[in-house]
Amino acid sequence: NIQLYNWDRALELAVKHKTHVDTVLGHRQKFLARFDKPETNKRYLQYKEGVEIDWTNITSKIEMEYQKERERPSGGGSATNTTTTGLSTTSRSISIKP
């Protein structure tokens, strides 16, 4: 949802699963900064106050998620997922279960 700029859904899922809220907030912050825009979404403003954006921690959590994906048994076809973190872009292959 972040890659599709579906910010509301991305935050909704992060809050629902109680993980990666900082990741969503951080990427939203970078997105707005790129266009020199202030945050106007009330939900983002609310969560922003209580969450620290630490890119080292965010990058570590993302890498741990990819590690979990690699350790899962393959259950079907695979797709390529391209993720942008910081200034580098990496492609990783993930399994999609039917």
C-alpha atoms as a PDB file:
ATOM      1  CA  ASN A   1       0.000   0.000   0.000  1.00  0.00           C
ATOM      2  CA  ILE A   2       2.931   2.350   0.576  1.00  0.00           C
ATOM      3  CA  GLN A   3       4.212   1.724  -2.947  1.00  0.00           C
ATOM      4  CA  LEU A   4       0.752   2.510  -4.295  1.00  0.00           C
ATOM      5  CA  TYR A   5       0.567   5.656  -2.137  1.00  0.00           C
ATOM      6  CA  ASN A   6      -2.537   4.240  -0.463  1.00  0.00           C
ATOM      7  CA  TRP A   7      -1.540   5.954   2.775  1.00  0.00           C
ATOM      8  CA  ASP A   8      -4.783   5.547   4.693  1.00  0.00           C
ATOM      9  CA  ARG A   9      -4.887   1.797   4.081  1.00  0.00           C
ATOM     10  CA  ALA A  10      -1.195   1.408   4.911  1.00  0.00           C
ATOM     11  CA  LEU A  11      -1.654   3.149   8.262  1.00  0.00           C
ATOM     12  CA  GLU A  12      -4.854   1.195   8.946  1.00  0.00           C
ATOM     13  CA  LEU A  13      -3.051  -2.127   8.423  1.00  0.00           C
ATOM     14  CA  ALA A  14      -0.024  -1.087  10.479  1.00  0.00           C
ATOM     15  CA  VAL A  15      -2.241  -0.053  13.395  1.00  0.00           C
ATOM     16  CA  LYS A  16      -4.420  -3.165  13.082  1.00  0.00           C
ATOM     17  CA  HIS A  17      -1.388  -5.468  13.173  1.00  0.00           C
ATOM     18  CA  LYS A  18       0.444  -3.278  15.712  1.00  0.00           C
ATOM     19  CA  THR A  19       3.605  -3.273  13.647  1.00  0.00           C
ATOM     20  CA  HIS A  20       5.371  -1.028  11.123  1.00  0.00           C
ATOM     21  CA  VAL A  21       3.476   2.106  12.187  1.00  0.00           C
ATOM     22  CA  ASP A  22       6.849   3.886  12.219  1.00  0.00           C
ATOM     23  CA  THR A  23       7.587   2.505   8.748  1.00  0.00           C
ATOM     24  CA  VAL A  24       4.368   3.919   7.296  1.00  0.00           C
ATOM     25  CA  LEU A  25       4.813   7.252   9.074  1.00  0.00           C
ATOM     26  CA  GLY A  26       8.428   7.513   7.933  1.00  0.00           C
ATOM     27  CA  HIS A  27       7.662   6.805   4.290  1.00  0.00           C
ATOM     28  CA  ARG A  28       4.728   9.226   4.375  1.00  0.00           C
ATOM     29  CA  GLN A  29       7.034  11.871   5.868  1.00  0.00           C
ATOM     30  CA  LYS A  30       9.603  11.312   3.080  1.00  0.00           C
ATOM     31  CA  PHE A  31       6.864  11.465   0.447  1.00  0.00           C
ATOM     32  CA  LEU A  32       5.533  14.793   1.736  1.00  0.00           C
ATOM     33  CA  ALA A  33       9.036  16.234   2.125  1.00  0.00           C
ATOM     34  CA  ARG A  34       9.786  15.410  -1.509  1.00  0.00           C
ATOM     35  CA  PHE A  35       6.936  17.727  -2.531  1.00  0.00           C
ATOM     36  CA  ASP A  36       7.562  20.227   0.272  1.00  0.00           C
ATOM     37  CA  LYS A  37       4.078  19.624   1.700  1.00  0.00           C
ATOM     38  CA  PRO A  38       3.005  19.678   5.359  1.00  0.00           C
ATOM     39  CA  GLU A  39       1.098  16.787   6.911  1.00  0.00           C
ATOM     40  CA  THR A  40      -2.647  17.517   6.949  1.00  0.00           C
ATOM     41  CA  ASN A  41      -4.119  14.061   7.594  1.00  0.00           C
ATOM     42  CA  LYS A  42      -5.445  14.020  11.173  1.00  0.00           C
ATOM     43  CA  ARG A  43      -4.701  10.320  11.720  1.00  0.00           C
ATOM     44  CA  TYR A  44      -1.102  10.768  10.638  1.00  0.00           C
ATOM     45  CA  LEU A  45      -0.724  13.819  12.840  1.00  0.00           C
ATOM     46  CA  GLN A  46      -2.152  11.863  15.780  1.00  0.00           C
ATOM     47  CA  TYR A  47       0.192   8.884  15.393  1.00  0.00           C
ATOM     48  CA  LYS A  48       3.187  11.049  14.517  1.00  0.00           C
ATOM     49  CA  GLU A  49       3.162  12.561  18.021  1.00  0.00           C
ATOM     50  CA  GLY A  50       3.692   9.205  19.731  1.00  0.00           C
ATOM     51  CA  VAL A  51       6.058   7.464  17.322  1.00  0.00           C
ATOM     52  CA  GLU A  52       9.760   8.095  16.754  1.00  0.00           C
ATOM     53  CA  ILE A  53      10.995   7.722  13.164  1.00  0.00           C
ATOM     54  CA  ASP A  54      14.286   5.804  13.409  1.00  0.00           C
ATOM     55  CA  TRP A  55      15.401   4.702   9.946  1.00  0.00           C
ATOM     56  CA  THR A  56      17.938   2.226  11.323  1.00  0.00           C
ATOM     57  CA  ASN A  57      15.167   0.490  13.252  1.00  0.00           C
ATOM     58  CA  ILE A  58      12.766   0.668  10.283  1.00  0.00           C
ATOM     59  CA  THR A  59      15.330  -0.849   7.917  1.00  0.00           C
ATOM     60  CA  SER A  60      16.064  -3.629  10.422  1.00  0.00           C
ATOM     61  CA  LYS A  61      12.372  -4.476  10.789  1.00  0.00           C
ATOM     62  CA  ILE A  62      11.901  -4.592   7.021  1.00  0.00           C
ATOM     63  CA  GLU A  63      14.918  -6.871   6.643  1.00  0.00           C
ATOM     64  CA  MET A  64      13.560  -9.167   9.387  1.00  0.00           C
ATOM     65  CA  GLU A  65      10.248  -9.395   7.496  1.00  0.00           C
ATOM     66  CA  TYR A  66      12.097 -10.400   4.319  1.00  0.00           C
ATOM     67  CA  GLN A  67      14.075 -12.975   6.307  1.00  0.00           C
ATOM     68  CA  LYS A  68      10.809 -14.482   7.608  1.00  0.00           C
ATOM     69  CA  GLU A  69       9.503 -14.639   4.025  1.00  0.00           C
ATOM     70  CA  ARG A  70      12.648 -16.461   2.876  1.00  0.00           C
ATOM     71  CA  GLU A  71      12.329 -18.996   5.706  1.00  0.00           C
ATOM     72  CA  ARG A  72       8.703 -19.873   4.961  1.00  0.00           C
ATOM     73  CA  PRO A  73       8.127 -23.013   2.942  1.00  0.00           C
ATOM     74  CA  SER A  74       7.216 -22.310  -0.650  1.00  0.00           C
ATOM     75  CA  GLY A  75       3.510 -22.707  -1.217  1.00  0.00           C
ATOM     76  CA  GLY A  76       2.888 -21.902  -4.828  1.00  0.00           C
ATOM     77  CA  GLY A  77       3.902 -19.321  -7.370  1.00  0.00           C
ATOM     78  CA  SER A  78       6.291 -16.519  -6.704  1.00  0.00           C
ATOM     79  CA  ALA A  79       6.271 -12.844  -7.510  1.00  0.00           C
ATOM     80  CA  THR A  80       8.865 -10.132  -7.421  1.00  0.00           C
ATOM     81  CA  ASN A  81       8.395  -7.383  -4.872  1.00  0.00           C
ATOM     82  CA  THR A  82      10.416  -4.210  -5.353  1.00  0.00           C
ATOM     83  CA  THR A  83      10.942  -2.106  -2.251  1.00  0.00           C
ATOM     84  CA  THR A  84      12.542   1.286  -1.835  1.00  0.00           C
ATOM     85  CA  THR A  85      14.191   1.985   1.493  1.00  0.00           C
ATOM     86  CA  GLY A  86      16.176   5.128   1.974  1.00  0.00           C
ATOM     87  CA  LEU A  87      18.104   5.889  -1.182  1.00  0.00           C
ATOM     88  CA  SER A  88      18.609   2.344  -2.412  1.00  0.00           C
ATOM     89  CA  THR A  89      16.158   0.176  -4.317  1.00  0.00           C
ATOM     90  CA  THR A  90      16.271  -3.581  -3.918  1.00  0.00           C
ATOM     91  CA  SER A  91      14.237  -6.347  -5.491  1.00  0.00           C
ATOM     92  CA  ARG A  92      13.345  -9.428  -3.525  1.00  0.00           C
ATOM     93  CA  SER A  93      11.410 -12.491  -4.542  1.00  0.00           C
ATOM     94  CA  ILE A  94       8.512 -13.469  -2.299  1.00  0.00           C
ATOM     95  CA  SER A  95       6.191 -16.462  -2.390  1.00  0.00           C
ATOM     96  CA  ILE A  96       2.475 -15.918  -2.833  1.00  0.00           C
ATOM     97  CA  LYS A  97       0.291 -18.662  -1.418  1.00  0.00           C
ATOM     98  CA  PRO A  98      -2.905 -19.426  -3.333  1.00  0.00           C
END
